[in-house]
Amino acid sequence: MRLLPWTGTDGKACYLSTDDPGSLLSRLADDVEAAQLASAETVLAGAGAVPHDDKSGERSVRFALTRAVEPLGDVLRIAVSRRGDTR
């Protein structure tokens, strides 16, 4: 069972059961994971600069942290999926 990089409409985890890593749904999941990782890199670059900017105020720090939390959840889900843990 592969944990997919998205949830169902009810917020619960979605799983794929297939022996074909080249199936349409497997390839879609791979593409979504790649996009999520690319987004995380972009957010990390932007958010990582905020604490080092003396002009960053509380609003900037809050915004950067809020934006960083979103892709962190995606990356964690990908890591769990790749290690095969379906907890």
C-alpha atoms as a PDB file:
ATOM      1  CA  MET A   1       0.000   0.000   0.000  1.00  0.00           C
ATOM      2  CA  ARG A   2       1.299   3.412  -0.959  1.00  0.00           C
ATOM      3  CA  LEU A   3       0.297   6.462   1.032  1.00  0.00           C
ATOM      4  CA  LEU A   4      -0.728   9.046  -1.542  1.00  0.00           C
ATOM      5  CA  PRO A   5       0.397  12.688  -1.261  1.00  0.00           C
ATOM      6  CA  TRP A   6      -3.164  13.949  -0.786  1.00  0.00           C
ATOM      7  CA  THR A   7      -6.124  13.286   1.452  1.00  0.00           C
ATOM      8  CA  GLY A   8      -9.716  12.445   0.671  1.00  0.00           C
ATOM      9  CA  THR A   9     -12.525  14.970   0.941  1.00  0.00           C
ATOM     10  CA  ASP A  10     -12.994  13.844   4.547  1.00  0.00           C
ATOM     11  CA  GLY A  11      -9.346  14.650   5.355  1.00  0.00           C
ATOM     12  CA  LYS A  12      -8.413  10.997   5.752  1.00  0.00           C
ATOM     13  CA  ALA A  13      -5.367   9.385   4.164  1.00  0.00           C
ATOM     14  CA  CYS A  14      -5.640   7.872   0.696  1.00  0.00           C
ATOM     15  CA  TYR A  15      -3.763   4.725  -0.256  1.00  0.00           C
ATOM     16  CA  LEU A  16      -2.938   3.057  -3.550  1.00  0.00           C
ATOM     17  CA  SER A  17      -2.745  -0.699  -3.852  1.00  0.00           C
ATOM     18  CA  THR A  18      -0.916  -1.715  -7.022  1.00  0.00           C
ATOM     19  CA  ASP A  19       2.124  -3.650  -8.122  1.00  0.00           C
ATOM     20  CA  ASP A  20       2.578  -1.331 -11.114  1.00  0.00           C
ATOM     21  CA  PRO A  21       4.720   1.728 -10.297  1.00  0.00           C
ATOM     22  CA  GLY A  22       4.037   2.907 -13.840  1.00  0.00           C
ATOM     23  CA  SER A  23       0.262   3.006 -13.463  1.00  0.00           C
ATOM     24  CA  LEU A  24      -1.527   6.269 -14.173  1.00  0.00           C
ATOM     25  CA  LEU A  25      -2.278   6.902 -10.491  1.00  0.00           C
ATOM     26  CA  SER A  26       1.291   6.007  -9.437  1.00  0.00           C
ATOM     27  CA  ARG A  27       2.697   8.464 -11.981  1.00  0.00           C
ATOM     28  CA  LEU A  28       0.236  11.147 -10.868  1.00  0.00           C
ATOM     29  CA  ALA A  29       1.298  10.630  -7.239  1.00  0.00           C
ATOM     30  CA  ASP A  30       4.962  10.900  -8.296  1.00  0.00           C
ATOM     31  CA  ASP A  31       4.228  14.152 -10.137  1.00  0.00           C
ATOM     32  CA  VAL A  32       2.335  15.613  -7.171  1.00  0.00           C
ATOM     33  CA  GLU A  33       5.174  14.651  -4.812  1.00  0.00           C
ATOM     34  CA  ALA A  34       7.720  16.295  -7.128  1.00  0.00           C
ATOM     35  CA  ALA A  35       5.650  19.489  -7.216  1.00  0.00           C
ATOM     36  CA  GLN A  36       5.268  19.471  -3.430  1.00  0.00           C
ATOM     37  CA  LEU A  37       9.025  19.059  -2.939  1.00  0.00           C
ATOM     38  CA  ALA A  38       9.765  21.867  -5.400  1.00  0.00           C
ATOM     39  CA  SER A  39       7.299  24.106  -3.564  1.00  0.00           C
ATOM     40  CA  ALA A  40       8.960  23.253  -0.247  1.00  0.00           C
ATOM     41  CA  GLU A  41      12.357  24.288  -1.651  1.00  0.00           C
ATOM     42  CA  THR A  42      10.939  27.629  -2.765  1.00  0.00           C
ATOM     43  CA  VAL A  43       9.229  28.288   0.560  1.00  0.00           C
ATOM     44  CA  LEU A  44      12.353  27.282   2.476  1.00  0.00           C
ATOM     45  CA  ALA A  45      14.471  29.749   0.515  1.00  0.00           C
ATOM     46  CA  GLY A  46      12.065  32.600   1.185  1.00  0.00           C
ATOM     47  CA  ALA A  47      11.228  31.783   4.784  1.00  0.00           C
ATOM     48  CA  GLY A  48      14.840  31.038   5.659  1.00  0.00           C
ATOM     49  CA  ALA A  49      15.865  34.590   4.813  1.00  0.00           C
ATOM     50  CA  VAL A  50      13.344  36.233   7.156  1.00  0.00           C
ATOM     51  CA  PRO A  51      15.062  35.586  10.520  1.00  0.00           C
ATOM     52  CA  HIS A  52      18.334  36.968   9.126  1.00  0.00           C
ATOM     53  CA  ASP A  53      16.762  40.225   7.958  1.00  0.00           C
ATOM     54  CA  ASP A  54      16.991  42.909  10.632  1.00  0.00           C
ATOM     55  CA  LYS A  55      13.997  44.663   9.058  1.00  0.00           C
ATOM     56  CA  SER A  56      11.722  41.641   9.486  1.00  0.00           C
ATOM     57  CA  GLY A  57       8.946  42.417  11.884  1.00  0.00           C
ATOM     58  CA  GLU A  58       6.569  40.149  13.725  1.00  0.00           C
ATOM     59  CA  ARG A  59       4.154  40.011  10.767  1.00  0.00           C
ATOM     60  CA  SER A  60       6.928  38.866   8.423  1.00  0.00           C
ATOM     61  CA  VAL A  61       8.047  36.169  10.818  1.00  0.00           C
ATOM     62  CA  ARG A  62       4.487  34.936  11.352  1.00  0.00           C
ATOM     63  CA  PHE A  63       3.845  34.885   7.603  1.00  0.00           C
ATOM     64  CA  ALA A  64       7.081  32.982   6.906  1.00  0.00           C
ATOM     65  CA  LEU A  65       6.307  30.437   9.614  1.00  0.00           C
ATOM     66  CA  THR A  66       2.737  29.971   8.396  1.00  0.00           C
ATOM     67  CA  ARG A  67       3.927  29.431   4.812  1.00  0.00           C
ATOM     68  CA  ALA A  68       6.688  27.031   5.962  1.00  0.00           C
ATOM     69  CA  VAL A  69       4.301  24.806   7.942  1.00  0.00           C
ATOM     70  CA  GLU A  70       2.253  23.919   4.852  1.00  0.00           C
ATOM     71  CA  PRO A  71       5.019  22.272   2.776  1.00  0.00           C
ATOM     72  CA  LEU A  72       6.535  20.732   5.909  1.00  0.00           C
ATOM     73  CA  GLY A  73       3.371  18.642   6.240  1.00  0.00           C
ATOM     74  CA  ASP A  74       3.643  17.633   2.574  1.00  0.00           C
ATOM     75  CA  VAL A  75       7.304  16.635   2.928  1.00  0.00           C
ATOM     76  CA  LEU A  76       6.584  14.624   6.075  1.00  0.00           C
ATOM     77  CA  ARG A  77       3.764  12.780   4.265  1.00  0.00           C
ATOM     78  CA  ILE A  78       6.138  11.985   1.369  1.00  0.00           C
ATOM     79  CA  ALA A  79       8.790  10.703   3.786  1.00  0.00           C
ATOM     80  CA  VAL A  80       6.273   8.460   5.547  1.00  0.00           C
ATOM     81  CA  SER A  81       5.042   7.181   2.200  1.00  0.00           C
ATOM     82  CA  ARG A  82       8.523   6.370   0.951  1.00  0.00           C
ATOM     83  CA  ARG A  83       9.529   4.456   4.039  1.00  0.00           C
ATOM     84  CA  GLY A  84       6.436   2.282   3.622  1.00  0.00           C
ATOM     85  CA  ASP A  85       4.905   3.169   6.982  1.00  0.00           C
ATOM     86  CA  THR A  86       1.137   3.514   6.645  1.00  0.00           C
ATOM     87  CA  ARG A  87       0.333   4.508  10.229  1.00  0.00           C
END
